[in-house]
Amino acid sequence: MNQINVMTVGELEKALDENRDLVVIDVRENEEVAQGMIPTAKHIPLGQIPEEVDHLDSSKEYVMVCRSGKRSMNASEYLSAKGFHKLNNLEGGMLDWKGELVF
């Protein structure tokens, strides 16, 4: 299995500020994302990842996000098994995110 990197909230904020070419995927449920998402994040609930995987570009870098980091790690492990190599799991998830939110 490929290595899944752990990214801190601070590292993600810096990467977004620098317009680094990465895709943030929020795997929380609809009622959770209604409370706010990281700007630029794409919402794919965890249960829909298997049907969405063919629409994702495996050459891109991804940051997986959930409430605390557990579901996003599950999503990262699934993508890793599907051949994705540039995966980051957001440590502490949205519980630790203090940055801007979009609704």
N, C-alpha and C. Protein backbone atom coordinates (compact mmCIF):
# COMPACT_ATOMS: atom_id res chain seq x y z
N MET A 1 0.84 -1.19 0.00
CA MET A 1 0.00 0.00 0.00
C MET A 1 0.88 1.25 0.00
N ASN A 2 0.39 2.30 -0.62
CA ASN A 2 1.14 3.55 -0.69
C ASN A 2 1.13 4.26 0.65
N GLN A 3 2.13 5.09 0.83
CA GLN A 3 2.23 5.89 2.05
C GLN A 3 1.16 6.98 2.03
N ILE A 4 0.43 7.11 3.14
CA ILE A 4 -0.53 8.20 3.29
C ILE A 4 0.09 9.21 4.25
N ASN A 5 0.28 10.42 3.78
CA ASN A 5 0.89 11.45 4.60
C ASN A 5 -0.14 12.05 5.53
N VAL A 6 0.34 12.51 6.66
CA VAL A 6 -0.52 13.24 7.58
C VAL A 6 -0.19 14.71 7.39
N MET A 7 -1.23 15.52 7.18
CA MET A 7 -1.03 16.96 6.99
C MET A 7 -1.71 17.67 8.15
N THR A 8 -1.02 18.63 8.73
CA THR A 8 -1.63 19.40 9.81
C THR A 8 -2.50 20.50 9.20
N VAL A 9 -3.36 21.05 10.03
CA VAL A 9 -4.20 22.17 9.61
C VAL A 9 -3.33 23.33 9.13
N GLY A 10 -2.25 23.61 9.86
CA GLY A 10 -1.35 24.70 9.49
C GLY A 10 -0.71 24.46 8.13
N GLU A 11 -0.31 23.22 7.87
CA GLU A 11 0.30 22.88 6.58
C GLU A 11 -0.71 23.05 5.44
N LEU A 12 -1.97 22.67 5.70
CA LEU A 12 -2.99 22.83 4.66
C LEU A 12 -3.27 24.30 4.41
N GLU A 13 -3.38 25.08 5.47
CA GLU A 13 -3.62 26.52 5.29
C GLU A 13 -2.50 27.15 4.46
N LYS A 14 -1.26 26.79 4.75
CA LYS A 14 -0.11 27.32 4.01
C LYS A 14 -0.19 26.89 2.54
N ALA A 15 -0.49 25.62 2.30
CA ALA A 15 -0.59 25.11 0.92
C ALA A 15 -1.68 25.84 0.15
N LEU A 16 -2.82 26.10 0.80
CA LEU A 16 -3.91 26.82 0.13
C LEU A 16 -3.53 28.27 -0.12
N ASP A 17 -2.85 28.90 0.85
CA ASP A 17 -2.39 30.29 0.68
C ASP A 17 -1.43 30.39 -0.49
N GLU A 18 -0.62 29.36 -0.69
CA GLU A 18 0.37 29.35 -1.78
C GLU A 18 -0.22 28.84 -3.09
N ASN A 19 -1.54 28.59 -3.08
CA ASN A 19 -2.22 28.06 -4.27
C ASN A 19 -1.57 26.78 -4.80
N ARG A 20 -1.11 25.93 -3.87
CA ARG A 20 -0.52 24.66 -4.27
C ARG A 20 -1.59 23.84 -5.00
N ASP A 21 -1.17 23.10 -5.99
CA ASP A 21 -2.11 22.34 -6.81
C ASP A 21 -2.52 21.07 -6.07
N LEU A 22 -3.52 21.21 -5.21
CA LEU A 22 -4.02 20.03 -4.53
C LEU A 22 -5.54 20.10 -4.46
N VAL A 23 -6.14 18.93 -4.29
CA VAL A 23 -7.60 18.83 -4.24
C VAL A 23 -7.99 18.41 -2.83
N VAL A 24 -8.81 19.25 -2.19
CA VAL A 24 -9.30 18.94 -0.86
C VAL A 24 -10.65 18.23 -1.03
N ILE A 25 -10.77 17.04 -0.45
CA ILE A 25 -12.03 16.30 -0.52
C ILE A 25 -12.56 16.11 0.89
N ASP A 26 -13.77 16.61 1.11
CA ASP A 26 -14.45 16.52 2.40
C ASP A 26 -15.38 15.31 2.34
N VAL A 27 -15.15 14.32 3.18
CA VAL A 27 -15.92 13.08 3.13
C VAL A 27 -17.03 13.04 4.18
N ARG A 28 -17.31 14.18 4.81
CA ARG A 28 -18.37 14.21 5.83
C ARG A 28 -19.76 14.10 5.18
N GLU A 29 -20.75 13.88 6.02
CA GLU A 29 -22.13 13.79 5.54
C GLU A 29 -22.69 15.19 5.26
N ASN A 30 -23.80 15.23 4.51
CA ASN A 30 -24.40 16.50 4.09
C ASN A 30 -24.67 17.45 5.25
N GLU A 31 -25.23 16.92 6.35
CA GLU A 31 -25.57 17.80 7.48
C GLU A 31 -24.31 18.35 8.15
N GLU A 32 -23.20 17.65 8.03
CA GLU A 32 -21.94 18.15 8.60
C GLU A 32 -21.36 19.26 7.74
N VAL A 33 -21.36 19.08 6.42
CA VAL A 33 -20.78 20.12 5.56
C VAL A 33 -21.65 21.37 5.55
N ALA A 34 -22.92 21.24 5.92
CA ALA A 34 -23.79 22.42 6.02
C ALA A 34 -23.29 23.39 7.08
N GLN A 35 -22.46 22.89 8.01
CA GLN A 35 -21.88 23.74 9.07
C GLN A 35 -20.61 24.44 8.59
N GLY A 36 -20.23 24.20 7.35
CA GLY A 36 -19.08 24.89 6.79
C GLY A 36 -18.02 23.93 6.28
N MET A 37 -17.40 24.32 5.17
CA MET A 37 -16.35 23.52 4.54
C MET A 37 -15.13 24.40 4.30
N ILE A 38 -13.99 23.74 4.14
CA ILE A 38 -12.77 24.44 3.78
C ILE A 38 -12.97 25.00 2.36
N PRO A 39 -12.62 26.29 2.14
CA PRO A 39 -12.76 26.84 0.78
C PRO A 39 -12.03 25.97 -0.24
N THR A 40 -12.59 25.81 -1.39
CA THR A 40 -12.11 25.00 -2.52
C THR A 40 -12.37 23.51 -2.35
N ALA A 41 -12.82 23.07 -1.15
CA ALA A 41 -13.03 21.64 -0.93
C ALA A 41 -14.17 21.13 -1.80
N LYS A 42 -14.01 19.88 -2.21
CA LYS A 42 -15.02 19.17 -3.00
C LYS A 42 -15.68 18.20 -2.03
N HIS A 43 -17.01 18.17 -2.02
CA HIS A 43 -17.72 17.29 -1.09
C HIS A 43 -18.08 15.97 -1.74
N ILE A 44 -17.49 14.89 -1.21
CA ILE A 44 -17.87 13.53 -1.62
C ILE A 44 -18.04 12.74 -0.33
N PRO A 45 -19.29 12.49 0.10
CA PRO A 45 -19.48 11.72 1.33
C PRO A 45 -18.75 10.38 1.25
N LEU A 46 -18.24 9.91 2.38
CA LEU A 46 -17.43 8.70 2.42
C LEU A 46 -18.07 7.55 1.67
N GLY A 47 -19.37 7.34 1.86
CA GLY A 47 -20.05 6.23 1.21
C GLY A 47 -20.09 6.31 -0.31
N GLN A 48 -19.84 7.51 -0.86
CA GLN A 48 -19.88 7.69 -2.31
C GLN A 48 -18.50 7.63 -2.96
N ILE A 49 -17.46 7.54 -2.15
CA ILE A 49 -16.09 7.49 -2.70
C ILE A 49 -15.94 6.36 -3.74
N PRO A 50 -16.41 5.12 -3.46
CA PRO A 50 -16.22 4.05 -4.46
C PRO A 50 -16.83 4.36 -5.82
N GLU A 51 -17.98 5.04 -5.86
CA GLU A 51 -18.56 5.35 -7.17
C GLU A 51 -17.96 6.59 -7.81
N GLU A 52 -17.29 7.42 -7.02
CA GLU A 52 -16.68 8.65 -7.55
C GLU A 52 -15.22 8.45 -7.95
N VAL A 53 -14.60 7.36 -7.52
CA VAL A 53 -13.16 7.18 -7.72
C VAL A 53 -12.75 7.28 -9.19
N ASP A 54 -13.59 6.82 -10.09
CA ASP A 54 -13.26 6.88 -11.52
C ASP A 54 -13.27 8.30 -12.07
N HIS A 55 -13.87 9.24 -11.33
CA HIS A 55 -13.93 10.64 -11.77
C HIS A 55 -12.77 11.45 -11.20
N LEU A 56 -11.94 10.82 -10.38
CA LEU A 56 -10.80 11.52 -9.77
C LEU A 56 -9.53 11.23 -10.56
N ASP A 57 -8.67 12.22 -10.63
CA ASP A 57 -7.42 12.11 -11.37
C ASP A 57 -6.32 11.60 -10.43
N SER A 58 -5.85 10.37 -10.66
CA SER A 58 -4.88 9.77 -9.74
C SER A 58 -3.51 10.45 -9.78
N SER A 59 -3.29 11.35 -10.74
CA SER A 59 -2.00 12.05 -10.79
C SER A 59 -1.99 13.29 -9.89
N LYS A 60 -3.16 13.70 -9.40
CA LYS A 60 -3.24 14.90 -8.55
C LYS A 60 -2.94 14.56 -7.09
N GLU A 61 -2.64 15.62 -6.33
CA GLU A 61 -2.42 15.47 -4.89
C GLU A 61 -3.74 15.75 -4.18
N TYR A 62 -4.09 14.88 -3.23
CA TYR A 62 -5.36 15.01 -2.51
C TYR A 62 -5.12 15.19 -1.02
N VAL A 63 -6.03 15.98 -0.42
CA VAL A 63 -6.09 16.10 1.03
C VAL A 63 -7.49 15.66 1.43
N MET A 64 -7.57 14.60 2.22
CA MET A 64 -8.85 14.06 2.65
C MET A 64 -9.21 14.65 4.01
N VAL A 65 -10.47 15.07 4.17
CA VAL A 65 -10.91 15.76 5.37
C VAL A 65 -12.22 15.16 5.88
N CYS A 66 -12.33 15.02 7.19
CA CYS A 66 -13.62 14.69 7.82
C CYS A 66 -13.69 15.49 9.12
N ARG A 67 -14.51 15.03 10.07
CA ARG A 67 -14.65 15.77 11.32
C ARG A 67 -13.38 15.69 12.16
N SER A 68 -12.84 14.46 12.33
CA SER A 68 -11.71 14.30 13.24
C SER A 68 -10.49 13.64 12.60
N GLY A 69 -10.65 13.02 11.43
CA GLY A 69 -9.51 12.38 10.76
C GLY A 69 -9.67 10.88 10.53
N LYS A 70 -10.67 10.25 11.15
CA LYS A 70 -10.82 8.80 11.03
C LYS A 70 -11.45 8.39 9.69
N ARG A 71 -12.58 9.00 9.34
CA ARG A 71 -13.23 8.65 8.07
C ARG A 71 -12.37 9.05 6.88
N SER A 72 -11.69 10.19 7.00
CA SER A 72 -10.84 10.62 5.90
C SER A 72 -9.66 9.67 5.72
N MET A 73 -9.19 9.06 6.81
CA MET A 73 -8.13 8.06 6.69
C MET A 73 -8.67 6.82 5.98
N ASN A 74 -9.91 6.44 6.29
CA ASN A 74 -10.54 5.31 5.57
C ASN A 74 -10.61 5.61 4.08
N ALA A 75 -11.01 6.83 3.73
CA ALA A 75 -11.09 7.23 2.32
C ALA A 75 -9.70 7.21 1.69
N SER A 76 -8.69 7.70 2.41
CA SER A 76 -7.32 7.72 1.91
C SER A 76 -6.83 6.29 1.64
N GLU A 77 -7.11 5.38 2.57
CA GLU A 77 -6.68 3.99 2.40
C GLU A 77 -7.37 3.35 1.19
N TYR A 78 -8.64 3.69 0.99
CA TYR A 78 -9.37 3.16 -0.18
C TYR A 78 -8.73 3.67 -1.48
N LEU A 79 -8.47 4.98 -1.54
CA LEU A 79 -7.86 5.56 -2.75
C LEU A 79 -6.45 5.00 -2.97
N SER A 80 -5.72 4.81 -1.89
CA SER A 80 -4.39 4.25 -1.99
C SER A 80 -4.45 2.86 -2.62
N ALA A 81 -5.41 2.06 -2.20
CA ALA A 81 -5.57 0.71 -2.75
C ALA A 81 -5.97 0.76 -4.23
N LYS A 82 -6.55 1.89 -4.65
CA LYS A 82 -6.96 2.06 -6.05
C LYS A 82 -5.85 2.68 -6.90
N GLY A 83 -4.66 2.86 -6.30
CA GLY A 83 -3.53 3.34 -7.08
C GLY A 83 -3.21 4.82 -6.98
N PHE A 84 -3.86 5.53 -6.06
CA PHE A 84 -3.55 6.94 -5.85
C PHE A 84 -2.30 7.02 -4.98
N HIS A 85 -1.37 7.92 -5.34
CA HIS A 85 -0.08 7.99 -4.65
C HIS A 85 0.11 9.24 -3.81
N LYS A 86 -0.53 10.33 -4.17
CA LYS A 86 -0.30 11.61 -3.47
C LYS A 86 -1.48 11.89 -2.56
N LEU A 87 -1.49 11.20 -1.41
CA LEU A 87 -2.61 11.31 -0.48
C LEU A 87 -2.16 11.90 0.85
N ASN A 88 -2.96 12.83 1.35
CA ASN A 88 -2.73 13.42 2.66
C ASN A 88 -4.01 13.30 3.46
N ASN A 89 -3.89 12.95 4.73
CA ASN A 89 -5.04 12.92 5.62
C ASN A 89 -4.91 14.10 6.56
N LEU A 90 -5.97 14.91 6.68
CA LEU A 90 -5.90 16.10 7.53
C LEU A 90 -6.02 15.69 8.99
N GLU A 91 -4.91 15.87 9.72
CA GLU A 91 -4.84 15.51 11.13
C GLU A 91 -5.79 16.39 11.94
N GLY A 92 -6.64 15.76 12.73
CA GLY A 92 -7.57 16.53 13.56
C GLY A 92 -8.81 17.00 12.82
N GLY A 93 -8.81 16.87 11.51
CA GLY A 93 -9.99 17.20 10.69
C GLY A 93 -10.56 18.57 10.96
N MET A 94 -11.86 18.68 10.76
CA MET A 94 -12.53 19.98 10.90
C MET A 94 -12.57 20.43 12.36
N LEU A 95 -12.39 19.51 13.30
CA LEU A 95 -12.34 19.92 14.71
C LEU A 95 -11.16 20.87 14.94
N ASP A 96 -10.07 20.66 14.21
CA ASP A 96 -8.87 21.50 14.37
C ASP A 96 -8.82 22.69 13.41
N TRP A 97 -9.69 22.69 12.38
CA TRP A 97 -9.62 23.74 11.36
C TRP A 97 -10.13 25.05 11.93
N LYS A 98 -9.29 26.07 11.92
CA LYS A 98 -9.66 27.38 12.44
C LYS A 98 -9.75 28.41 11.31
N GLY A 99 -9.47 27.97 10.09
CA GLY A 99 -9.45 28.89 8.95
C GLY A 99 -10.84 29.24 8.46
N GLU A 100 -10.87 29.85 7.32
CA GLU A 100 -12.10 30.30 6.68
C GLU A 100 -13.01 29.10 6.36
N LEU A 101 -14.31 29.36 6.40
CA LEU A 101 -15.29 28.34 6.03
C LEU A 101 -16.18 28.89 4.91
N VAL A 102 -16.63 28.00 4.05
CA VAL A 102 -17.63 28.37 3.06
C VAL A 102 -18.88 27.53 3.32
N PHE A 103 -20.04 28.12 3.04
CA PHE A 103 -21.30 27.44 3.32
C PHE A 103 -22.10 27.24 2.05
